[in-house]
Amino acid sequence: MMMTAGARKLALTTHITSSVGWLGSVVAFLALAIAGVTSHDSQIVRAAYLAMHLTTWFVIVPLSLAALITGLIDSFGTPWGLFRHYWVVTKLLLTVLATIILLVHTQPIDRVAEVAARVDLAASDLRQLRLQLVGDAAAALFVLLVTTTLSVYKPWGMTPYGIRRESEATAGRRPASNRRSRPAGRYVVIAIIGFVLLILVLHLLGGGLHGH
């Protein structure tokens, strides 16, 4: 069901706001994570990890869920659809991946913040876990920059499903568009799915959850 123009603008404004807020909060998280690893001031290290804990639960998690939900609403309520364009499908997969990894990594964030609240962290304390938080934040920032780029450039054209739906909608009214599905978009989506599965498997079987 298509939304009215007013509802569409409201949904789009909410989605852009939450997405930009998510991106900005991840940048702040990355800065705090780097400070927590590199600073030699115990008070700065403690403050950094406590701030990371608050930022995660009260800013990043709500904004990530809001961006995902409003993105779905925009897709279903506008002509773009959810599965009609390769860039929308790719952005959805990347957003879901980033959200899942974020929720999984609330555990190590909570752990480091809990330790930092009780004792001063030496440079060697929880070193691997603290470095992991820097890497996770950098990876999340990269994914969010990719999704932002996809929203601007909208590459790869329509999926076979999108072309079929467009043909059905225009049948009997005007000649169907001669758009074709671009193989590059299909390959990108397959690569993203493989990447998502690889990350999740490595995280579950490798050092991810074990290191938590």
N, C-alpha and C. Protein backbone atom coordinates (compact mmCIF):
# COMPACT_ATOMS: atom_id res chain seq x y z
N MET A 1 0.85 -1.20 0.00
CA MET A 1 0.00 0.00 0.00
C MET A 1 0.89 1.24 0.00
N MET A 2 0.65 2.15 -0.94
CA MET A 2 1.42 3.37 -1.04
C MET A 2 0.98 4.37 0.04
N MET A 3 1.92 5.06 0.62
CA MET A 3 1.62 6.08 1.61
C MET A 3 1.26 7.38 0.93
N THR A 4 0.58 8.24 1.67
CA THR A 4 0.29 9.57 1.16
C THR A 4 1.60 10.37 1.10
N ALA A 5 1.56 11.49 0.40
CA ALA A 5 2.77 12.30 0.26
C ALA A 5 3.28 12.78 1.61
N GLY A 6 2.35 13.18 2.49
CA GLY A 6 2.74 13.65 3.81
C GLY A 6 3.37 12.55 4.65
N ALA A 7 2.76 11.36 4.63
CA ALA A 7 3.29 10.24 5.39
C ALA A 7 4.64 9.80 4.83
N ARG A 8 4.77 9.85 3.51
CA ARG A 8 6.03 9.46 2.88
C ARG A 8 7.16 10.40 3.31
N LYS A 9 6.88 11.70 3.33
CA LYS A 9 7.91 12.66 3.74
C LYS A 9 8.27 12.49 5.21
N LEU A 10 7.28 12.21 6.04
CA LEU A 10 7.54 11.99 7.46
C LEU A 10 8.41 10.76 7.67
N ALA A 11 8.06 9.67 6.97
CA ALA A 11 8.83 8.43 7.10
C ALA A 11 10.25 8.62 6.60
N LEU A 12 10.39 9.33 5.48
CA LEU A 12 11.73 9.56 4.92
C LEU A 12 12.56 10.44 5.84
N THR A 13 11.94 11.48 6.41
CA THR A 13 12.66 12.36 7.34
C THR A 13 13.13 11.58 8.57
N THR A 14 12.26 10.72 9.08
CA THR A 14 12.62 9.92 10.25
C THR A 14 13.75 8.95 9.91
N HIS A 15 13.68 8.36 8.73
CA HIS A 15 14.73 7.42 8.33
C HIS A 15 16.08 8.12 8.15
N ILE A 16 16.07 9.26 7.50
CA ILE A 16 17.33 9.99 7.29
C ILE A 16 17.91 10.44 8.63
N THR A 17 17.05 10.95 9.50
CA THR A 17 17.51 11.42 10.81
C THR A 17 18.13 10.31 11.63
N SER A 18 17.44 9.16 11.68
CA SER A 18 17.97 8.05 12.47
C SER A 18 19.23 7.47 11.84
N SER A 19 19.30 7.43 10.51
CA SER A 19 20.50 6.91 9.84
C SER A 19 21.71 7.80 10.07
N VAL A 20 21.50 9.11 9.92
CA VAL A 20 22.60 10.06 10.15
C VAL A 20 23.02 10.03 11.62
N GLY A 21 22.04 9.93 12.52
CA GLY A 21 22.36 9.84 13.94
C GLY A 21 23.15 8.58 14.26
N TRP A 22 22.77 7.47 13.63
CA TRP A 22 23.50 6.21 13.82
C TRP A 22 24.94 6.35 13.35
N LEU A 23 25.12 6.94 12.19
CA LEU A 23 26.47 7.14 11.65
C LEU A 23 27.30 8.02 12.58
N GLY A 24 26.73 9.11 13.03
CA GLY A 24 27.46 10.02 13.91
C GLY A 24 27.81 9.39 15.25
N SER A 25 26.89 8.61 15.80
CA SER A 25 27.16 7.98 17.10
C SER A 25 28.23 6.91 16.98
N VAL A 26 28.31 6.24 15.83
CA VAL A 26 29.36 5.24 15.61
C VAL A 26 30.72 5.93 15.52
N VAL A 27 30.76 7.10 14.88
CA VAL A 27 32.01 7.87 14.82
C VAL A 27 32.46 8.24 16.24
N ALA A 28 31.52 8.69 17.07
CA ALA A 28 31.86 9.02 18.45
C ALA A 28 32.33 7.78 19.21
N PHE A 29 31.66 6.65 18.99
CA PHE A 29 32.05 5.41 19.64
C PHE A 29 33.47 5.01 19.25
N LEU A 30 33.79 5.15 17.96
CA LEU A 30 35.13 4.81 17.48
C LEU A 30 36.19 5.69 18.14
N ALA A 31 35.89 6.98 18.26
CA ALA A 31 36.84 7.89 18.92
C ALA A 31 37.06 7.49 20.37
N LEU A 32 35.99 7.11 21.07
CA LEU A 32 36.12 6.67 22.47
C LEU A 32 36.89 5.36 22.56
N ALA A 33 36.64 4.45 21.62
CA ALA A 33 37.34 3.16 21.64
C ALA A 33 38.84 3.36 21.42
N ILE A 34 39.21 4.25 20.52
CA ILE A 34 40.62 4.54 20.28
C ILE A 34 41.25 5.18 21.51
N ALA A 35 40.52 6.10 22.13
CA ALA A 35 41.04 6.73 23.35
C ALA A 35 41.23 5.71 24.46
N GLY A 36 40.31 4.75 24.55
CA GLY A 36 40.42 3.73 25.59
C GLY A 36 41.64 2.85 25.42
N VAL A 37 42.09 2.67 24.19
CA VAL A 37 43.26 1.82 23.91
C VAL A 37 44.57 2.59 24.00
N THR A 38 44.55 3.85 23.56
CA THR A 38 45.80 4.59 23.41
C THR A 38 46.13 5.50 24.60
N SER A 39 45.14 5.91 25.37
CA SER A 39 45.40 6.86 26.45
C SER A 39 46.13 6.19 27.61
N HIS A 40 47.02 6.96 28.24
CA HIS A 40 47.75 6.48 29.42
C HIS A 40 47.17 7.07 30.71
N ASP A 41 46.11 7.84 30.57
CA ASP A 41 45.44 8.43 31.73
C ASP A 41 44.30 7.50 32.14
N SER A 42 44.40 6.96 33.34
CA SER A 42 43.40 5.98 33.79
C SER A 42 42.00 6.57 33.87
N GLN A 43 41.91 7.85 34.18
CA GLN A 43 40.60 8.48 34.27
C GLN A 43 39.96 8.64 32.90
N ILE A 44 40.78 8.96 31.90
CA ILE A 44 40.26 9.07 30.53
C ILE A 44 39.81 7.71 30.04
N VAL A 45 40.61 6.66 30.33
CA VAL A 45 40.24 5.31 29.91
C VAL A 45 38.93 4.89 30.54
N ARG A 46 38.79 5.13 31.84
CA ARG A 46 37.54 4.77 32.53
C ARG A 46 36.36 5.53 31.95
N ALA A 47 36.54 6.84 31.77
CA ALA A 47 35.44 7.65 31.23
C ALA A 47 35.07 7.21 29.82
N ALA A 48 36.07 6.83 29.02
CA ALA A 48 35.80 6.41 27.65
C ALA A 48 34.91 5.19 27.61
N TYR A 49 35.23 4.17 28.41
CA TYR A 49 34.45 2.93 28.35
C TYR A 49 33.08 3.08 28.99
N LEU A 50 32.98 3.91 30.00
CA LEU A 50 31.66 4.17 30.57
C LEU A 50 30.80 4.95 29.57
N ALA A 51 31.42 5.90 28.87
CA ALA A 51 30.67 6.65 27.85
C ALA A 51 30.28 5.75 26.68
N MET A 52 31.15 4.81 26.32
CA MET A 52 30.82 3.86 25.25
C MET A 52 29.61 3.02 25.62
N HIS A 53 29.56 2.60 26.87
CA HIS A 53 28.42 1.80 27.34
C HIS A 53 27.11 2.58 27.21
N LEU A 54 27.12 3.83 27.68
CA LEU A 54 25.92 4.66 27.60
C LEU A 54 25.55 4.97 26.15
N THR A 55 26.56 5.29 25.35
CA THR A 55 26.31 5.61 23.95
C THR A 55 25.69 4.43 23.21
N THR A 56 26.18 3.24 23.53
CA THR A 56 25.67 2.04 22.85
C THR A 56 24.19 1.83 23.15
N TRP A 57 23.85 1.82 24.43
CA TRP A 57 22.48 1.44 24.82
C TRP A 57 21.45 2.55 24.63
N PHE A 58 21.87 3.80 24.78
CA PHE A 58 20.90 4.89 24.74
C PHE A 58 20.92 5.69 23.43
N VAL A 59 21.92 5.43 22.57
CA VAL A 59 21.98 6.16 21.30
C VAL A 59 22.07 5.19 20.11
N ILE A 60 23.12 4.36 20.07
CA ILE A 60 23.37 3.55 18.89
C ILE A 60 22.29 2.49 18.69
N VAL A 61 21.97 1.73 19.72
CA VAL A 61 20.96 0.67 19.56
C VAL A 61 19.60 1.24 19.15
N PRO A 62 19.07 2.26 19.85
CA PRO A 62 17.77 2.81 19.41
C PRO A 62 17.80 3.36 17.99
N LEU A 63 18.89 4.06 17.63
CA LEU A 63 18.96 4.63 16.29
C LEU A 63 19.10 3.56 15.21
N SER A 64 19.85 2.49 15.50
CA SER A 64 19.99 1.42 14.50
C SER A 64 18.66 0.73 14.25
N LEU A 65 17.91 0.45 15.31
CA LEU A 65 16.60 -0.17 15.15
C LEU A 65 15.63 0.77 14.44
N ALA A 66 15.70 2.06 14.78
CA ALA A 66 14.83 3.04 14.13
C ALA A 66 15.15 3.15 12.64
N ALA A 67 16.45 3.13 12.30
CA ALA A 67 16.84 3.21 10.88
C ALA A 67 16.36 1.99 10.12
N LEU A 68 16.47 0.81 10.73
CA LEU A 68 16.02 -0.42 10.07
C LEU A 68 14.51 -0.42 9.87
N ILE A 69 13.77 -0.06 10.92
CA ILE A 69 12.30 -0.10 10.84
C ILE A 69 11.78 0.95 9.86
N THR A 70 12.30 2.17 9.95
CA THR A 70 11.82 3.22 9.04
C THR A 70 12.24 2.94 7.60
N GLY A 71 13.38 2.26 7.42
CA GLY A 71 13.78 1.86 6.08
C GLY A 71 12.80 0.87 5.48
N LEU A 72 12.35 -0.07 6.29
CA LEU A 72 11.35 -1.03 5.82
C LEU A 72 10.03 -0.33 5.49
N ILE A 73 9.65 0.61 6.33
CA ILE A 73 8.40 1.34 6.08
C ILE A 73 8.50 2.13 4.77
N ASP A 74 9.64 2.78 4.57
CA ASP A 74 9.84 3.54 3.33
C ASP A 74 9.77 2.62 2.11
N SER A 75 10.37 1.43 2.24
CA SER A 75 10.39 0.51 1.11
C SER A 75 9.00 0.02 0.75
N PHE A 76 8.22 -0.38 1.76
CA PHE A 76 6.89 -0.91 1.51
C PHE A 76 5.90 0.18 1.11
N GLY A 77 6.13 1.40 1.56
CA GLY A 77 5.16 2.46 1.34
C GLY A 77 5.47 3.39 0.19
N THR A 78 6.53 3.09 -0.57
CA THR A 78 6.89 3.93 -1.70
C THR A 78 7.09 3.05 -2.94
N PRO A 79 7.14 3.65 -4.12
CA PRO A 79 7.34 2.84 -5.34
C PRO A 79 8.68 2.11 -5.40
N TRP A 80 9.64 2.48 -4.56
CA TRP A 80 10.92 1.79 -4.60
C TRP A 80 10.78 0.32 -4.26
N GLY A 81 9.89 -0.01 -3.33
CA GLY A 81 9.70 -1.40 -2.94
C GLY A 81 10.89 -1.92 -2.14
N LEU A 82 10.77 -3.16 -1.67
CA LEU A 82 11.84 -3.75 -0.86
C LEU A 82 12.74 -4.66 -1.68
N PHE A 83 12.19 -5.31 -2.71
CA PHE A 83 12.97 -6.26 -3.50
C PHE A 83 13.00 -5.90 -4.99
N ARG A 84 12.64 -4.67 -5.33
CA ARG A 84 12.56 -4.29 -6.73
C ARG A 84 13.88 -3.75 -7.28
N HIS A 85 14.75 -3.25 -6.41
CA HIS A 85 16.00 -2.65 -6.86
C HIS A 85 17.16 -3.26 -6.08
N TYR A 86 18.23 -3.52 -6.81
CA TYR A 86 19.39 -4.16 -6.19
C TYR A 86 19.98 -3.32 -5.06
N TRP A 87 19.99 -2.00 -5.23
CA TRP A 87 20.60 -1.17 -4.19
C TRP A 87 19.79 -1.22 -2.90
N VAL A 88 18.47 -1.35 -3.01
CA VAL A 88 17.63 -1.44 -1.81
C VAL A 88 17.88 -2.77 -1.08
N VAL A 89 17.95 -3.87 -1.86
CA VAL A 89 18.20 -5.18 -1.26
C VAL A 89 19.58 -5.20 -0.59
N THR A 90 20.58 -4.65 -1.26
CA THR A 90 21.93 -4.62 -0.70
C THR A 90 21.98 -3.79 0.57
N LYS A 91 21.34 -2.64 0.54
CA LYS A 91 21.31 -1.77 1.72
C LYS A 91 20.60 -2.47 2.89
N LEU A 92 19.52 -3.18 2.59
CA LEU A 92 18.80 -3.90 3.63
C LEU A 92 19.70 -4.97 4.28
N LEU A 93 20.40 -5.75 3.44
CA LEU A 93 21.27 -6.79 3.97
C LEU A 93 22.38 -6.21 4.83
N LEU A 94 22.97 -5.11 4.38
CA LEU A 94 24.05 -4.49 5.14
C LEU A 94 23.53 -3.91 6.46
N THR A 95 22.35 -3.33 6.44
CA THR A 95 21.78 -2.77 7.66
C THR A 95 21.46 -3.86 8.67
N VAL A 96 20.89 -4.96 8.19
CA VAL A 96 20.59 -6.09 9.07
C VAL A 96 21.88 -6.65 9.66
N LEU A 97 22.92 -6.78 8.82
CA LEU A 97 24.21 -7.28 9.30
C LEU A 97 24.77 -6.37 10.38
N ALA A 98 24.77 -5.08 10.13
CA ALA A 98 25.32 -4.13 11.11
C ALA A 98 24.53 -4.17 12.41
N THR A 99 23.21 -4.31 12.31
CA THR A 99 22.37 -4.35 13.52
C THR A 99 22.63 -5.62 14.32
N ILE A 100 22.74 -6.76 13.64
CA ILE A 100 22.99 -8.03 14.34
C ILE A 100 24.34 -7.99 15.05
N ILE A 101 25.38 -7.56 14.34
CA ILE A 101 26.71 -7.48 14.95
C ILE A 101 26.71 -6.51 16.12
N LEU A 102 26.00 -5.40 15.98
CA LEU A 102 25.90 -4.44 17.07
C LEU A 102 25.29 -5.08 18.31
N LEU A 103 24.17 -5.78 18.14
CA LEU A 103 23.50 -6.39 19.29
C LEU A 103 24.36 -7.47 19.92
N VAL A 104 25.10 -8.23 19.10
CA VAL A 104 26.00 -9.24 19.64
C VAL A 104 27.12 -8.60 20.45
N HIS A 105 27.60 -7.46 19.97
CA HIS A 105 28.76 -6.84 20.61
C HIS A 105 28.40 -5.94 21.78
N THR A 106 27.14 -5.92 22.18
CA THR A 106 26.82 -5.22 23.42
C THR A 106 27.41 -5.96 24.63
N GLN A 107 27.63 -7.27 24.50
CA GLN A 107 28.18 -8.04 25.61
C GLN A 107 29.61 -7.63 25.95
N PRO A 108 30.55 -7.59 24.99
CA PRO A 108 31.90 -7.14 25.36
C PRO A 108 31.95 -5.68 25.80
N ILE A 109 31.08 -4.84 25.24
CA ILE A 109 31.04 -3.45 25.67
C ILE A 109 30.63 -3.38 27.13
N ASP A 110 29.61 -4.14 27.50
CA ASP A 110 29.16 -4.17 28.89
C ASP A 110 30.25 -4.69 29.81
N ARG A 111 30.97 -5.70 29.35
CA ARG A 111 32.02 -6.31 30.17
C ARG A 111 33.15 -5.33 30.44
N VAL A 112 33.65 -4.67 29.40
CA VAL A 112 34.74 -3.71 29.58
C VAL A 112 34.30 -2.55 30.46
N ALA A 113 33.08 -2.06 30.23
CA ALA A 113 32.59 -0.94 31.04
C ALA A 113 32.44 -1.34 32.50
N GLU A 114 32.00 -2.57 32.75
CA GLU A 114 31.85 -3.05 34.13
C GLU A 114 33.20 -3.11 34.83
N VAL A 115 34.22 -3.63 34.14
CA VAL A 115 35.56 -3.70 34.73
C VAL A 115 36.13 -2.30 34.94
N ALA A 116 35.95 -1.43 33.97
CA ALA A 116 36.48 -0.07 34.07
C ALA A 116 35.83 0.71 35.21
N ALA A 117 34.59 0.40 35.52
CA ALA A 117 33.91 1.09 36.61
C ALA A 117 34.45 0.68 37.97
N ARG A 118 35.04 -0.52 38.05
CA ARG A 118 35.51 -1.04 39.34
C ARG A 118 37.00 -0.79 39.58
N VAL A 119 37.81 -0.92 38.54
CA VAL A 119 39.26 -0.81 38.70
C VAL A 119 39.85 0.00 37.56
N ASP A 120 41.05 0.49 37.76
CA ASP A 120 41.77 1.16 36.69
C ASP A 120 42.33 0.10 35.73
N LEU A 121 42.10 0.31 34.45
CA LEU A 121 42.56 -0.64 33.45
C LEU A 121 44.00 -0.32 33.04
N ALA A 122 44.88 -1.31 33.19
CA ALA A 122 46.24 -1.18 32.67
C ALA A 122 46.22 -1.41 31.17
N ALA A 123 47.33 -1.09 30.51
CA ALA A 123 47.38 -1.21 29.06
C ALA A 123 47.16 -2.64 28.60
N SER A 124 47.55 -3.61 29.43
CA SER A 124 47.43 -5.02 29.05
C SER A 124 46.10 -5.65 29.45
N ASP A 125 45.32 -4.97 30.25
CA ASP A 125 44.05 -5.54 30.74
C ASP A 125 43.03 -5.58 29.60
N LEU A 126 42.46 -6.75 29.37
CA LEU A 126 41.42 -6.93 28.34
C LEU A 126 41.87 -6.34 27.00
N ARG A 127 43.15 -6.45 26.71
CA ARG A 127 43.73 -5.80 25.54
C ARG A 127 43.06 -6.26 24.24
N GLN A 128 42.91 -7.57 24.08
CA GLN A 128 42.33 -8.09 22.85
C GLN A 128 40.89 -7.63 22.68
N LEU A 129 40.16 -7.63 23.77
CA LEU A 129 38.76 -7.22 23.71
C LEU A 129 38.63 -5.74 23.38
N ARG A 130 39.51 -4.92 23.93
CA ARG A 130 39.47 -3.48 23.67
C ARG A 130 39.86 -3.16 22.23
N LEU A 131 40.84 -3.90 21.71
CA LEU A 131 41.21 -3.73 20.30
C LEU A 131 40.07 -4.19 19.38
N GLN A 132 39.37 -5.23 19.81
CA GLN A 132 38.23 -5.73 19.03
C GLN A 132 37.15 -4.67 18.91
N LEU A 133 36.93 -3.89 19.97
CA LEU A 133 35.93 -2.84 19.93
C LEU A 133 36.31 -1.76 18.92
N VAL A 134 37.60 -1.47 18.80
CA VAL A 134 38.05 -0.50 17.79
C VAL A 134 37.78 -1.05 16.39
N GLY A 135 38.14 -2.31 16.16
CA GLY A 135 37.91 -2.91 14.85
C GLY A 135 36.44 -3.00 14.51
N ASP A 136 35.61 -3.36 15.49
CA ASP A 136 34.17 -3.46 15.24
C ASP A 136 33.58 -2.10 14.87
N ALA A 137 34.00 -1.07 15.59
CA ALA A 137 33.48 0.27 15.31
C ALA A 137 33.91 0.74 13.93
N ALA A 138 35.16 0.46 13.56
CA ALA A 138 35.64 0.85 12.23
C ALA A 138 34.88 0.11 11.13
N ALA A 139 34.62 -1.19 11.35
CA ALA A 139 33.86 -1.97 10.37
C ALA A 139 32.43 -1.45 10.25
N ALA A 140 31.82 -1.13 11.38
CA ALA A 140 30.45 -0.60 11.36
C ALA A 140 30.40 0.74 10.63
N LEU A 141 31.40 1.58 10.85
CA LEU A 141 31.44 2.86 10.16
C LEU A 141 31.56 2.67 8.65
N PHE A 142 32.39 1.72 8.23
CA PHE A 142 32.54 1.44 6.81
C PHE A 142 31.21 0.99 6.20
N VAL A 143 30.51 0.08 6.87
CA VAL A 143 29.23 -0.42 6.37
C VAL A 143 28.22 0.71 6.24
N LEU A 144 28.17 1.59 7.24
CA LEU A 144 27.22 2.70 7.19
C LEU A 144 27.56 3.69 6.08
N LEU A 145 28.85 3.89 5.81
CA LEU A 145 29.24 4.75 4.70
C LEU A 145 28.84 4.13 3.37
N VAL A 146 28.94 2.81 3.28
CA VAL A 146 28.52 2.11 2.05
C VAL A 146 27.01 2.26 1.85
N THR A 147 26.23 2.06 2.89
CA THR A 147 24.77 2.20 2.76
C THR A 147 24.38 3.63 2.40
N THR A 148 25.10 4.60 2.94
CA THR A 148 24.84 5.99 2.58
C THR A 148 25.13 6.25 1.10
N THR A 149 26.23 5.69 0.61
CA THR A 149 26.60 5.83 -0.80
C THR A 149 25.55 5.18 -1.70
N LEU A 150 25.06 4.02 -1.30
CA LEU A 150 24.03 3.34 -2.08
C LEU A 150 22.77 4.19 -2.17
N SER A 151 22.41 4.86 -1.08
CA SER A 151 21.21 5.69 -1.07
C SER A 151 21.33 6.87 -2.02
N VAL A 152 22.55 7.34 -2.22
CA VAL A 152 22.77 8.50 -3.08
C VAL A 152 22.85 8.09 -4.55
N TYR A 153 23.63 7.05 -4.85
CA TYR A 153 23.89 6.69 -6.25
C TYR A 153 22.87 5.71 -6.83
N LYS A 154 22.25 4.88 -5.98
CA LYS A 154 21.22 3.94 -6.42
C LYS A 154 21.67 3.12 -7.64
N PRO A 155 22.72 2.32 -7.51
CA PRO A 155 23.29 1.63 -8.68
C PRO A 155 22.57 0.32 -9.03
N TRP A 156 22.96 -0.26 -10.16
CA TRP A 156 22.68 -1.63 -10.57
C TRP A 156 21.30 -1.90 -11.15
N GLY A 157 20.40 -0.95 -11.12
CA GLY A 157 19.11 -1.18 -11.77
C GLY A 157 18.15 -2.04 -10.97
N MET A 158 17.17 -2.62 -11.70
CA MET A 158 16.08 -3.36 -11.06
C MET A 158 16.39 -4.86 -11.03
N THR A 159 15.80 -5.52 -10.05
CA THR A 159 15.89 -6.98 -9.95
C THR A 159 14.88 -7.60 -10.92
N PRO A 160 15.01 -8.90 -11.23
CA PRO A 160 14.00 -9.55 -12.07
C PRO A 160 12.60 -9.42 -11.49
N TYR A 161 12.49 -9.50 -10.18
CA TYR A 161 11.18 -9.33 -9.53
C TYR A 161 10.64 -7.93 -9.79
N GLY A 162 11.51 -6.91 -9.67
CA GLY A 162 11.06 -5.55 -9.89
C GLY A 162 10.62 -5.31 -11.31
N ILE A 163 11.36 -5.89 -12.26
CA ILE A 163 11.00 -5.74 -13.67
C ILE A 163 9.65 -6.41 -13.95
N ARG A 164 9.43 -7.58 -13.36
CA ARG A 164 8.17 -8.29 -13.56
C ARG A 164 7.00 -7.50 -12.98
N ARG A 165 7.19 -6.95 -11.77
CA ARG A 165 6.11 -6.18 -11.16
C ARG A 165 5.81 -4.92 -11.95
N GLU A 166 6.85 -4.27 -12.48
CA GLU A 166 6.63 -3.07 -13.28
C GLU A 166 5.89 -3.42 -14.56
N SER A 167 6.21 -4.55 -15.16
CA SER A 167 5.53 -4.96 -16.38
C SER A 167 4.06 -5.25 -16.11
N GLU A 168 3.77 -5.89 -14.97
CA GLU A 168 2.39 -6.18 -14.60
C GLU A 168 1.60 -4.90 -14.35
N ALA A 169 2.27 -3.92 -13.72
CA ALA A 169 1.58 -2.68 -13.39
C ALA A 169 1.29 -1.84 -14.63
N THR A 170 2.13 -1.95 -15.65
CA THR A 170 1.95 -1.11 -16.85
C THR A 170 1.23 -1.84 -17.97
N ALA A 171 0.95 -3.12 -17.79
CA ALA A 171 0.27 -3.89 -18.85
C ALA A 171 -1.10 -3.29 -19.15
N GLY A 172 -1.35 -3.08 -20.42
CA GLY A 172 -2.66 -2.57 -20.84
C GLY A 172 -2.78 -1.07 -20.79
N ARG A 173 -1.81 -0.39 -20.22
CA ARG A 173 -1.87 1.07 -20.13
C ARG A 173 -0.83 1.73 -21.02
N ARG A 174 0.38 1.21 -20.99
CA ARG A 174 1.43 1.72 -21.86
C ARG A 174 2.46 0.62 -22.02
N PRO A 175 3.28 0.70 -23.02
CA PRO A 175 4.27 -0.35 -23.21
C PRO A 175 5.17 -0.48 -21.99
N ALA A 176 5.43 -1.72 -21.62
CA ALA A 176 6.29 -1.96 -20.46
C ALA A 176 7.69 -1.46 -20.76
N SER A 177 8.34 -0.96 -19.72
CA SER A 177 9.70 -0.45 -19.91
C SER A 177 10.62 -1.59 -20.31
N ASN A 178 11.67 -1.22 -21.01
CA ASN A 178 12.59 -2.22 -21.54
C ASN A 178 13.79 -2.42 -20.62
N ARG A 179 13.58 -2.18 -19.32
CA ARG A 179 14.67 -2.32 -18.38
C ARG A 179 15.07 -3.78 -18.24
N ARG A 180 16.34 -3.95 -18.00
CA ARG A 180 16.85 -5.30 -17.80
C ARG A 180 17.58 -5.38 -16.47
N SER A 181 17.53 -6.56 -15.90
CA SER A 181 18.26 -6.79 -14.66
C SER A 181 19.75 -6.83 -14.98
N ARG A 182 20.53 -6.10 -14.22
CA ARG A 182 21.96 -6.07 -14.45
C ARG A 182 22.64 -7.15 -13.63
N PRO A 183 23.43 -8.02 -14.27
CA PRO A 183 24.09 -9.11 -13.55
C PRO A 183 24.96 -8.62 -12.40
N ALA A 184 25.56 -7.43 -12.55
CA ALA A 184 26.44 -6.92 -11.50
C ALA A 184 25.70 -6.79 -10.17
N GLY A 185 24.46 -6.32 -10.23
CA GLY A 185 23.68 -6.18 -9.01
C GLY A 185 23.43 -7.51 -8.34
N ARG A 186 23.13 -8.53 -9.16
CA ARG A 186 22.89 -9.87 -8.62
C ARG A 186 24.14 -10.41 -7.93
N TYR A 187 25.28 -10.20 -8.55
CA TYR A 187 26.53 -10.69 -7.97
C TYR A 187 26.85 -9.98 -6.67
N VAL A 188 26.56 -8.71 -6.61
CA VAL A 188 26.81 -7.96 -5.38
C VAL A 188 25.94 -8.48 -4.25
N VAL A 189 24.66 -8.72 -4.54
CA VAL A 189 23.76 -9.24 -3.51
C VAL A 189 24.23 -10.61 -3.02
N ILE A 190 24.63 -11.48 -3.95
CA ILE A 190 25.14 -12.80 -3.55
C ILE A 190 26.39 -12.66 -2.69
N ALA A 191 27.27 -11.74 -3.08
CA ALA A 191 28.49 -11.52 -2.30
C ALA A 191 28.17 -11.01 -0.91
N ILE A 192 27.17 -10.12 -0.81
CA ILE A 192 26.79 -9.58 0.51
C ILE A 192 26.23 -10.70 1.39
N ILE A 193 25.37 -11.55 0.80
CA ILE A 193 24.81 -12.66 1.57
C ILE A 193 25.94 -13.58 2.07
N GLY A 194 26.89 -13.89 1.17
CA GLY A 194 28.02 -14.71 1.58
C GLY A 194 28.84 -14.06 2.67
N PHE A 195 29.04 -12.75 2.55
CA PHE A 195 29.80 -12.02 3.55
C PHE A 195 29.10 -12.04 4.90
N VAL A 196 27.77 -11.85 4.89
CA VAL A 196 26.99 -11.89 6.13
C VAL A 196 27.13 -13.25 6.80
N LEU A 197 26.96 -14.32 6.02
CA LEU A 197 27.07 -15.66 6.58
C LEU A 197 28.48 -15.93 7.11
N LEU A 198 29.50 -15.48 6.38
CA LEU A 198 30.87 -15.69 6.81
C LEU A 198 31.15 -14.98 8.12
N ILE A 199 30.72 -13.75 8.23
CA ILE A 199 30.95 -12.99 9.46
C ILE A 199 30.27 -13.66 10.64
N LEU A 200 29.03 -14.09 10.45
CA LEU A 200 28.30 -14.71 11.55
C LEU A 200 28.94 -16.04 11.96
N VAL A 201 29.35 -16.85 10.98
CA VAL A 201 29.98 -18.13 11.30
C VAL A 201 31.30 -17.92 12.01
N LEU A 202 32.13 -17.02 11.50
CA LEU A 202 33.42 -16.75 12.13
C LEU A 202 33.23 -16.19 13.54
N HIS A 203 32.18 -15.38 13.70
CA HIS A 203 31.95 -14.78 15.01
C HIS A 203 31.48 -15.82 16.02
N LEU A 204 30.72 -16.79 15.56
CA LEU A 204 30.21 -17.80 16.48
C LEU A 204 31.25 -18.90 16.76
N LEU A 205 32.05 -19.26 15.75
CA LEU A 205 32.98 -20.36 15.90
C LEU A 205 34.41 -19.90 16.21
N GLY A 206 34.69 -18.67 15.86
CA GLY A 206 36.04 -18.19 16.05
C GLY A 206 36.23 -17.46 17.35
N GLY A 207 37.00 -16.39 17.28
CA GLY A 207 37.34 -15.68 18.50
C GLY A 207 36.30 -14.72 18.97
N GLY A 208 35.21 -14.51 18.17
CA GLY A 208 34.23 -13.50 18.54
C GLY A 208 33.58 -13.75 19.86
N LEU A 209 32.63 -14.70 19.92
CA LEU A 209 31.92 -14.93 21.16
C LEU A 209 32.83 -15.58 22.19
N HIS A 210 33.81 -16.36 21.74
CA HIS A 210 34.73 -16.98 22.68
C HIS A 210 35.53 -15.93 23.43
N GLY A 211 35.91 -14.88 22.68
CA GLY A 211 36.67 -13.82 23.31
C GLY A 211 35.87 -12.97 24.24
N HIS A 212 34.56 -13.08 24.18
CA HIS A 212 33.70 -12.29 25.07
C HIS A 212 33.73 -12.85 26.46
